[in-house]
Amino acid sequence: MSRTIESVAIIGAGTMGAGIAAASAAAGCRVLILDMDAASVEAALEQVDVEFRHLVTTGLVDADLDAVAEYDWICEAIVEDLSIKRELFTRLEAARSDGSVISSNTSGIPLWQISEDMPERFCSDVAITHFFNPVRVMKLFELVPGANTKPEVISAFTEFGAERLGKGVVHAKDTVNFIGNRIGCYLMLSGLHLAKPFLESGITQEQIDAVLGAPVGLPPTGLYGLIDLIGLDVMELVGRNLAANLPKDDLGHPYTSFPSVEQKMHDSGQLGRKSGGGFYRQVKLSDGERLKESFDLQSAEWRAAQPADLHAVSTELGDVLFDDSAEGELAWQIFGGTLQYAAGLIPEIADDVINIDNAIRWGFNWVKGPFEMIDHLDSRRVIDRILGEGKELPAMLEVLQNSGFESFYRNDGSEYLGVDGQYHSVK
């Protein structure tokens, strides 16, 4: 049975739910917004463009949940708490109609945990539909099937995401944090730890952020600026989820908890932009001007922000990773380490390099995805350095080496190297 999505019921009127509602209404769909709190529902409605508000119906979960029976797609976008999600899904399953599809917008809870012991109909009609914030702006749409999700359900979500919402659909496996957050959060969490020796040697966090920006093809927020944007509270929850659900031998385990200074920042409510300051803050002076300050991670005190000095760092994309300098070693350990981590995650989190590269470019705004970047750097050079450090090659780099080929992509990106060591057409 084919499925089509022409109407969307969103349960949860927070930032993500409101964004999904606004995008769906702008795509011409009938939309239902439900929440436990009337004020949250009204705030979500305000996020919908005025010209599309006539398509939106609002209500409260306790009073109006049965209304989901009239909608094709029921999307859960509530708090990241497994037990609360499962309780809600039990109620939604009883209320929704045959032929509808149902999903969670969770950013990292595996679908198998949500679906465990749920009815057969639920398990065949459910998927993870993970948007990135802000929904109207970010292109990435991660789609994760469960073990028993019907193909026509995934087809319906794929078509709706790509054709109606204009998103870049990425097909991920049912593993913790899926693709984007698995790799992107590895860079951030490992970076907090791996940066410590460089801070102790006198490199400032402003310099670290600058090196982990344009020189490696990342946004200008770098490491600390990005965590300020996301929030230390969110990152701590991510770390806990990873600690509980990563495979036992995963390289991310040593980094799932914060270093001591960052943990104290979190515990004191110094979370980032949302709390008025984290690693950086803006201070309003008496004359109305604003002064940017940095929280010095060595002294644990605020100081005036210092401009980064990149005059000795190559402006050519990626060159810094092979530079014989402290900045070069920093870039290799943190960014290069993330490239190696990504290269070891196929086929665990995705079937191919394309889905991983697309997820990271679309979700974290990298100039190049991990495998595209390895090609750009010269895969042979990357492999030689890893082997020269006495390390084992990650799975896909080993596939590349054994294949006798020199890159993950060829023919202007129209073909990619698969786990079988052969090239396949990009569809």
Protein backbone atom coordinates (compact mmCIF):
# COMPACT_ATOMS: atom_id res chain seq x y z
CA MET A 1 0.00 0.00 0.00
CA SER A 2 1.49 3.33 -1.04
CA ARG A 3 1.41 6.18 1.46
CA THR A 4 1.07 9.90 0.79
CA ILE A 5 1.45 12.78 3.21
CA GLU A 6 -0.88 15.73 2.76
CA SER A 7 -1.50 16.57 6.42
CA VAL A 8 0.75 16.67 9.49
CA ALA A 9 -0.04 16.46 13.21
CA ILE A 10 2.81 17.69 15.42
CA ILE A 11 2.84 16.80 19.09
CA GLY A 12 5.12 19.20 20.93
CA ALA A 13 5.12 22.95 20.27
CA GLY A 14 8.69 23.74 21.26
CA THR A 15 11.41 25.01 18.95
CA MET A 16 11.54 21.91 16.76
CA GLY A 17 7.81 21.22 16.70
CA ALA A 18 7.07 24.83 15.80
CA GLY A 19 9.65 24.71 13.02
CA ILE A 20 8.25 21.50 11.54
CA ALA A 21 4.73 22.95 11.72
CA ALA A 22 5.77 26.15 9.95
CA ALA A 23 7.62 24.26 7.21
CA SER A 24 4.72 21.85 6.67
CA ALA A 25 2.16 24.65 6.46
CA ALA A 26 4.38 26.53 4.01
CA ALA A 27 4.37 23.36 1.90
CA GLY A 28 0.58 23.57 1.69
CA CYS A 29 -0.28 20.87 4.23
CA ARG A 30 -3.04 20.90 6.80
CA VAL A 31 -1.29 21.06 10.16
CA LEU A 32 -2.33 20.22 13.72
CA ILE A 33 -0.22 21.53 16.62
CA LEU A 34 -0.76 19.97 20.04
CA ASP A 35 1.05 20.58 23.31
CA MET A 36 0.39 20.32 27.03
CA ASP A 37 0.67 24.10 27.35
CA ALA A 38 -1.67 26.55 25.58
CA ALA A 39 0.89 29.35 25.59
CA SER A 40 3.41 27.13 23.81
CA VAL A 41 0.82 26.28 21.15
CA GLU A 42 0.10 29.96 20.54
CA ALA A 43 3.81 30.74 20.34
CA ALA A 44 4.24 27.95 17.78
CA LEU A 45 1.37 29.32 15.71
CA GLU A 46 3.14 32.68 15.61
CA GLN A 47 6.06 30.96 13.86
CA VAL A 48 3.81 30.03 10.93
CA ASP A 49 3.74 32.56 8.10
CA VAL A 50 0.51 34.56 8.25
CA GLU A 51 -0.51 33.49 4.75
CA PHE A 52 -0.50 29.81 5.82
CA ARG A 53 -2.09 30.04 9.27
CA HIS A 54 -5.49 29.16 7.87
CA LEU A 55 -4.08 25.64 7.34
CA VAL A 56 -3.25 25.22 11.04
CA THR A 57 -5.45 23.86 13.82
CA THR A 58 -4.26 23.99 17.41
CA GLY A 59 -5.19 22.19 20.60
CA LEU A 60 -4.04 20.55 23.81
CA VAL A 61 -2.76 17.00 24.16
CA ASP A 62 -5.14 16.01 26.94
CA ALA A 63 -8.24 17.44 25.26
CA ASP A 64 -7.61 17.01 21.54
CA LEU A 65 -5.33 14.01 20.99
CA ASP A 66 -8.03 12.07 19.13
CA ALA A 67 -7.84 14.69 16.36
CA VAL A 68 -4.67 13.02 15.06
CA ALA A 69 -6.95 10.43 13.41
CA GLU A 70 -7.55 12.97 10.63
CA TYR A 71 -3.86 13.39 9.73
CA ASP A 72 -1.51 11.43 7.47
CA TRP A 73 1.69 11.96 9.45
CA ILE A 74 1.87 12.12 13.24
CA CYS A 75 5.20 13.62 14.34
CA GLU A 76 6.36 13.54 17.96
CA ALA A 77 8.63 16.46 18.92
CA ILE A 78 8.56 16.49 22.72
CA VAL A 79 11.25 16.37 25.42
CA GLU A 80 14.17 13.94 24.95
CA ASP A 81 12.99 11.49 27.59
CA LEU A 82 12.47 7.88 26.50
CA SER A 83 9.78 6.99 29.03
CA ILE A 84 7.73 10.12 28.26
CA LYS A 85 8.02 9.50 24.52
CA ARG A 86 6.90 5.88 24.88
CA GLU A 87 3.91 6.88 26.98
CA LEU A 88 2.86 9.44 24.36
CA PHE A 89 3.35 6.99 21.49
CA THR A 90 1.11 4.47 23.23
CA ARG A 91 -1.66 7.07 23.28
CA LEU A 92 -1.00 8.18 19.71
CA GLU A 93 -1.05 4.62 18.41
CA ALA A 94 -4.53 4.13 19.83
CA ALA A 95 -5.77 7.37 18.27
CA ARG A 96 -4.26 7.38 14.77
CA SER A 97 -5.89 5.95 11.66
CA ASP A 98 -4.83 2.99 9.53
CA GLY A 99 -2.62 4.13 6.66
CA SER A 100 -1.07 7.00 8.59
CA VAL A 101 2.65 7.16 9.32
CA ILE A 102 4.18 8.09 12.65
CA SER A 103 7.61 9.35 13.67
CA SER A 104 9.85 10.83 16.33
CA ASN A 105 12.03 13.89 15.86
CA THR A 106 14.45 12.64 18.52
CA SER A 107 18.01 13.79 17.96
CA GLY A 108 19.64 10.66 19.28
CA ILE A 109 17.44 8.07 21.01
CA PRO A 110 17.54 4.83 18.97
CA LEU A 111 14.23 3.86 17.42
CA TRP A 112 14.46 0.30 18.73
CA GLN A 113 14.23 1.66 22.28
CA ILE A 114 11.11 3.65 21.40
CA SER A 115 9.51 0.70 19.57
CA GLU A 116 10.30 -2.06 22.06
CA ASP A 117 7.15 -4.10 22.84
CA MET A 118 4.96 -1.69 20.87
CA PRO A 119 2.13 -3.06 18.64
CA GLU A 120 2.94 -4.54 15.25
CA ARG A 121 1.14 -1.75 13.37
CA PHE A 122 3.24 0.87 15.15
CA CYS A 123 6.51 -0.92 14.39
CA SER A 124 5.66 -1.20 10.70
CA ASP A 125 4.60 2.46 10.33
CA VAL A 126 7.23 4.26 12.45
CA ALA A 127 10.52 5.99 11.64
CA ILE A 128 12.83 8.65 13.00
CA THR A 129 12.41 11.93 11.09
CA HIS A 130 15.18 14.10 12.49
CA PHE A 131 15.29 17.74 11.44
CA PHE A 132 18.07 20.14 12.35
CA ASN A 133 17.45 23.52 13.96
CA PRO A 134 16.29 25.94 12.63
CA VAL A 135 14.01 23.71 10.58
CA ARG A 136 13.16 26.33 7.96
CA VAL A 137 16.86 26.98 7.27
CA MET A 138 18.78 23.74 7.75
CA LYS A 139 18.72 21.37 4.80
CA LEU A 140 19.38 18.08 6.60
CA PHE A 141 16.54 15.62 7.15
CA GLU A 142 17.74 12.33 8.67
CA LEU A 143 15.45 9.39 8.03
CA VAL A 144 15.88 6.26 10.14
CA PRO A 145 13.77 3.11 9.70
CA GLY A 146 13.19 0.52 12.38
CA ALA A 147 13.76 -3.20 11.94
CA ASN A 148 10.14 -3.69 10.81
CA THR A 149 9.35 -0.37 9.13
CA LYS A 150 7.62 -0.96 5.80
CA PRO A 151 9.43 0.30 2.67
CA GLU A 152 6.41 2.35 1.58
CA VAL A 153 6.59 4.29 4.85
CA ILE A 154 10.20 5.27 4.18
CA SER A 155 9.28 6.11 0.59
CA ALA A 156 6.52 8.42 1.80
CA PHE A 157 8.84 10.24 4.20
CA THR A 158 11.58 10.47 1.56
CA GLU A 159 9.26 11.96 -1.04
CA PHE A 160 7.67 14.38 1.42
CA GLY A 161 11.01 15.53 2.82
CA ALA A 162 12.63 16.04 -0.56
CA GLU A 163 9.73 17.17 -2.75
CA ARG A 164 7.40 19.03 -0.39
CA LEU A 165 9.83 20.39 2.19
CA GLY A 166 12.86 20.75 -0.09
CA LYS A 167 15.16 18.97 2.35
CA GLY A 168 18.24 16.89 1.73
CA VAL A 169 17.18 13.42 2.82
CA VAL A 170 19.87 11.26 4.40
CA HIS A 171 19.27 7.58 5.11
CA ALA A 172 20.74 6.57 8.46
CA LYS A 173 20.86 3.38 10.51
CA ASP A 174 19.11 2.92 13.86
CA THR A 175 22.15 3.75 15.98
CA VAL A 176 22.72 6.30 18.71
CA ASN A 177 22.71 9.92 17.44
CA PHE A 178 22.30 8.64 13.85
CA ILE A 179 24.82 10.29 11.45
CA GLY A 180 25.09 14.05 11.91
CA ASN A 181 25.20 14.18 15.69
CA ARG A 182 27.30 11.03 15.98
CA ILE A 183 30.15 12.62 14.03
CA GLY A 184 29.56 16.30 14.77
CA CYS A 185 29.31 15.72 18.51
CA TYR A 186 32.40 13.52 18.44
CA LEU A 187 34.35 16.51 17.12
CA MET A 188 33.00 18.77 19.86
CA LEU A 189 33.29 16.39 22.80
CA SER A 190 36.69 15.02 21.81
CA GLY A 191 37.82 18.56 21.03
CA LEU A 192 37.18 19.72 24.60
CA HIS A 193 39.58 17.04 25.84
CA LEU A 194 42.18 17.08 23.07
CA ALA A 195 42.51 20.87 23.22
CA LYS A 196 43.66 20.84 26.85
CA PRO A 197 47.41 20.33 26.21
CA PHE A 198 47.35 23.12 23.63
CA LEU A 199 45.67 25.50 26.08
CA GLU A 200 48.27 24.58 28.68
CA SER A 201 51.03 25.37 26.17
CA GLY A 202 49.68 28.90 25.72
CA ILE A 203 47.40 28.65 22.69
CA THR A 204 44.24 30.61 23.39
CA GLN A 205 40.75 29.26 22.84
CA GLU A 206 40.24 32.05 20.30
CA GLN A 207 43.18 30.63 18.34
CA ILE A 208 41.77 27.11 18.64
CA ASP A 209 38.41 28.27 17.30
CA ALA A 210 40.10 30.07 14.43
CA VAL A 211 42.16 27.01 13.44
CA LEU A 212 39.04 24.81 13.64
CA GLY A 213 37.17 27.17 11.34
CA ALA A 214 37.93 28.21 7.78
CA PRO A 215 41.36 26.48 7.58
CA VAL A 216 39.64 23.08 7.83
CA GLY A 217 36.36 24.05 6.18
CA LEU A 218 34.24 24.46 9.31
CA PRO A 219 31.99 27.42 10.22
CA PRO A 220 33.61 30.39 12.03
CA THR A 221 32.20 29.29 15.39
CA GLY A 222 34.98 26.70 15.55
CA LEU A 223 34.86 24.49 18.65
CA TYR A 224 33.98 26.60 21.68
CA GLY A 225 31.79 29.02 19.75
CA LEU A 226 29.71 26.14 18.38
CA ILE A 227 29.21 24.63 21.83
CA ASP A 228 28.17 28.07 23.10
CA LEU A 229 25.55 28.15 20.35
CA ILE A 230 24.23 24.67 21.17
CA GLY A 231 24.55 24.88 24.95
CA LEU A 232 26.60 22.90 27.47
CA ASP A 233 23.35 21.52 28.89
CA VAL A 234 22.47 19.97 25.53
CA MET A 235 25.99 18.65 25.06
CA GLU A 236 25.97 17.00 28.49
CA LEU A 237 22.73 15.19 27.62
CA VAL A 238 24.29 14.12 24.32
CA GLY A 239 27.30 12.77 26.20
CA ARG A 240 25.13 10.78 28.60
CA ASN A 241 23.16 9.28 25.72
CA LEU A 242 26.39 8.33 23.94
CA ALA A 243 27.86 6.80 27.10
CA ALA A 244 24.80 4.60 27.49
CA ASN A 245 24.39 3.56 23.86
CA LEU A 246 27.73 3.61 22.03
CA PRO A 247 29.20 0.22 21.10
CA LYS A 248 31.63 -0.94 23.78
CA ASP A 249 34.71 -0.50 21.60
CA ASP A 250 33.71 2.89 20.16
CA LEU A 251 36.43 5.54 20.11
CA GLY A 252 34.01 8.11 21.51
CA HIS A 253 33.72 6.60 24.99
CA PRO A 254 36.63 8.54 26.57
CA TYR A 255 34.95 11.80 25.59
CA THR A 256 31.35 11.32 26.72
CA SER A 257 31.85 13.35 29.91
CA PHE A 258 33.19 16.91 30.18
CA PRO A 259 36.64 17.88 31.43
CA SER A 260 36.50 19.30 34.96
CA VAL A 261 36.39 23.01 34.08
CA GLU A 262 33.63 22.56 31.53
CA GLN A 263 31.67 20.42 34.00
CA LYS A 264 31.89 23.19 36.60
CA MET A 265 30.68 25.68 33.98
CA HIS A 266 27.70 23.45 33.28
CA ASP A 267 26.89 22.89 36.94
CA SER A 268 26.97 26.63 37.67
CA GLY A 269 24.59 27.42 34.80
CA GLN A 270 27.24 28.92 32.52
CA LEU A 271 25.79 27.17 29.48
CA GLY A 272 26.46 29.39 26.48
CA ARG A 273 24.47 32.02 24.63
CA LYS A 274 21.19 30.89 26.18
CA SER A 275 22.45 31.77 29.67
CA GLY A 276 24.24 34.99 28.72
CA GLY A 277 27.65 33.40 28.40
CA GLY A 278 29.58 30.17 28.22
CA PHE A 279 33.04 30.22 26.71
CA TYR A 280 32.30 33.73 25.40
CA ARG A 281 29.97 36.56 26.36
CA GLN A 282 29.10 40.10 25.36
CA VAL A 283 29.33 42.73 28.12
CA LYS A 284 27.52 46.04 27.71
CA LEU A 285 29.67 48.98 28.76
CA SER A 286 28.49 52.26 30.30
CA ASP A 287 28.79 54.05 26.96
CA GLY A 288 26.54 51.51 25.27
CA GLU A 289 29.34 49.69 23.48
CA ARG A 290 29.72 45.95 23.82
CA LEU A 291 32.90 44.15 24.85
CA LYS A 292 33.46 40.52 23.94
CA GLU A 293 34.95 38.50 26.77
CA SER A 294 36.35 34.98 26.93
CA PHE A 295 36.15 32.61 29.86
CA ASP A 296 39.79 31.59 30.21
CA LEU A 297 39.82 27.83 30.67
CA GLN A 298 43.20 27.93 32.40
CA SER A 299 42.43 30.56 35.04
CA ALA A 300 38.65 29.97 35.07
CA GLU A 301 38.16 33.75 34.94
CA TRP A 302 36.68 36.15 32.41
CA ARG A 303 39.07 38.28 30.34
CA ALA A 304 38.88 40.47 27.27
CA ALA A 305 38.70 38.39 24.11
CA GLN A 306 41.96 38.22 22.18
CA PRO A 307 42.10 38.30 18.39
CA ALA A 308 43.34 35.08 16.81
CA ASP A 309 46.59 35.23 14.87
CA LEU A 310 46.51 33.03 11.77
CA HIS A 311 49.25 34.76 9.78
CA ALA A 312 51.39 31.60 9.87
CA VAL A 313 48.49 29.26 9.03
CA SER A 314 47.91 28.38 5.38
CA THR A 315 44.70 29.71 3.89
CA GLU A 316 44.46 26.72 1.53
CA LEU A 317 41.72 24.35 2.64
CA GLY A 318 43.11 21.58 4.82
CA ASP A 319 46.80 22.45 4.50
CA VAL A 320 47.03 23.17 8.22
CA LEU A 321 46.55 19.47 9.06
CA PHE A 322 50.02 18.72 7.71
CA ASP A 323 51.69 21.87 8.99
CA ASP A 324 54.67 21.35 11.31
CA SER A 325 53.34 23.61 14.05
CA ALA A 326 51.22 23.54 17.18
CA GLU A 327 48.24 24.68 15.10
CA GLY A 328 48.90 21.86 12.65
CA GLU A 329 49.03 19.25 15.40
CA LEU A 330 45.85 20.68 16.94
CA ALA A 331 44.02 20.47 13.62
CA TRP A 332 45.25 16.93 12.98
CA GLN A 333 44.29 15.63 16.40
CA ILE A 334 40.81 17.18 16.58
CA PHE A 335 39.64 17.57 12.98
CA GLY A 336 41.82 14.80 11.56
CA GLY A 337 40.73 12.55 14.41
CA THR A 338 37.10 13.20 13.49
CA LEU A 339 37.79 12.27 9.86
CA GLN A 340 39.28 8.99 11.07
CA TYR A 341 36.30 8.40 13.36
CA ALA A 342 33.87 8.94 10.49
CA ALA A 343 35.85 6.57 8.28
CA GLY A 344 35.31 3.81 10.83
CA LEU A 345 31.51 4.12 11.00
CA ILE A 346 30.48 2.46 7.73
CA PRO A 347 28.40 0.30 7.58
CA GLU A 348 27.44 0.82 11.24
CA ILE A 349 25.64 4.16 10.91
CA ALA A 350 25.09 4.37 7.13
CA ASP A 351 25.54 2.17 4.09
CA ASP A 352 27.83 4.49 2.15
CA VAL A 353 30.05 7.56 2.15
CA ILE A 354 27.42 9.67 0.37
CA ASN A 355 24.95 9.67 3.26
CA ILE A 356 27.68 10.56 5.74
CA ASP A 357 29.12 13.36 3.61
CA ASN A 358 25.68 14.83 2.93
CA ALA A 359 24.68 14.66 6.60
CA ILE A 360 27.75 16.55 7.76
CA ARG A 361 27.63 19.19 5.03
CA TRP A 362 23.91 19.80 5.41
CA GLY A 363 23.72 19.45 9.20
CA PHE A 364 26.97 21.06 10.37
CA ASN A 365 27.80 23.27 7.39
CA TRP A 366 31.20 21.77 6.65
CA VAL A 367 32.60 22.84 3.29
CA LYS A 368 33.28 19.17 2.52
CA GLY A 369 32.00 15.99 4.12
CA PRO A 370 34.55 13.70 5.82
CA PHE A 371 35.22 11.49 2.79
CA GLU A 372 35.21 14.43 0.39
CA MET A 373 37.75 16.08 2.68
CA ILE A 374 39.99 13.00 2.76
CA ASP A 375 39.95 13.00 -1.05
CA HIS A 376 40.80 16.71 -1.03
CA LEU A 377 43.70 16.17 1.38
CA ASP A 378 45.00 13.21 -0.71
CA SER A 379 43.92 9.92 0.79
CA ARG A 380 47.40 8.43 0.39
CA ARG A 381 48.85 11.19 2.53
CA VAL A 382 46.20 10.62 5.21
CA ILE A 383 46.74 6.85 5.19
CA ASP A 384 50.52 7.21 5.40
CA ARG A 385 50.27 9.52 8.39
CA ILE A 386 47.89 7.21 10.27
CA LEU A 387 50.11 4.19 9.63
CA GLY A 388 53.18 6.26 10.51
CA GLU A 389 51.64 6.91 13.92
CA GLY A 390 51.31 3.17 14.46
CA LYS A 391 47.52 3.17 14.27
CA GLU A 392 45.16 0.80 12.49
CA LEU A 393 43.33 2.17 9.49
CA PRO A 394 39.61 2.87 9.99
CA ALA A 395 37.36 0.53 8.01
CA MET A 396 36.71 2.65 4.91
CA LEU A 397 40.31 3.79 4.62
CA GLU A 398 41.31 0.13 4.73
CA VAL A 399 38.76 -0.59 1.99
CA LEU A 400 40.27 2.22 -0.07
CA GLN A 401 43.82 1.01 0.44
CA ASN A 402 42.97 -2.61 -0.39
CA SER A 403 41.00 -1.59 -3.49
CA GLY A 404 44.05 -0.06 -5.13
CA PHE A 405 42.07 3.10 -5.89
CA GLU A 406 43.09 6.56 -4.76
CA SER A 407 39.86 8.30 -3.78
CA PHE A 408 36.37 7.75 -2.41
CA TYR A 409 34.85 9.63 -5.36
CA ARG A 410 35.76 9.74 -9.03
CA ASN A 411 34.46 11.10 -12.34
CA ASP A 412 33.55 14.49 -10.84
CA GLY A 413 31.69 12.88 -7.97
CA SER A 414 29.38 10.78 -10.13
CA GLU A 415 30.76 7.55 -8.63
CA TYR A 416 31.60 6.59 -5.04
CA LEU A 417 33.58 3.75 -3.49
CA GLY A 418 31.42 1.21 -1.68
CA VAL A 419 32.23 -1.10 1.20
CA ASP A 420 32.80 -3.80 -1.42
CA GLY A 421 35.80 -1.90 -2.78
CA GLN A 422 34.04 -1.13 -6.07
CA TYR A 423 32.73 2.13 -7.49
CA HIS A 424 28.99 2.69 -7.78
CA SER A 425 26.95 5.39 -9.48
CA VAL A 426 25.65 8.23 -7.35
CA LYS A 427 21.88 8.12 -7.81
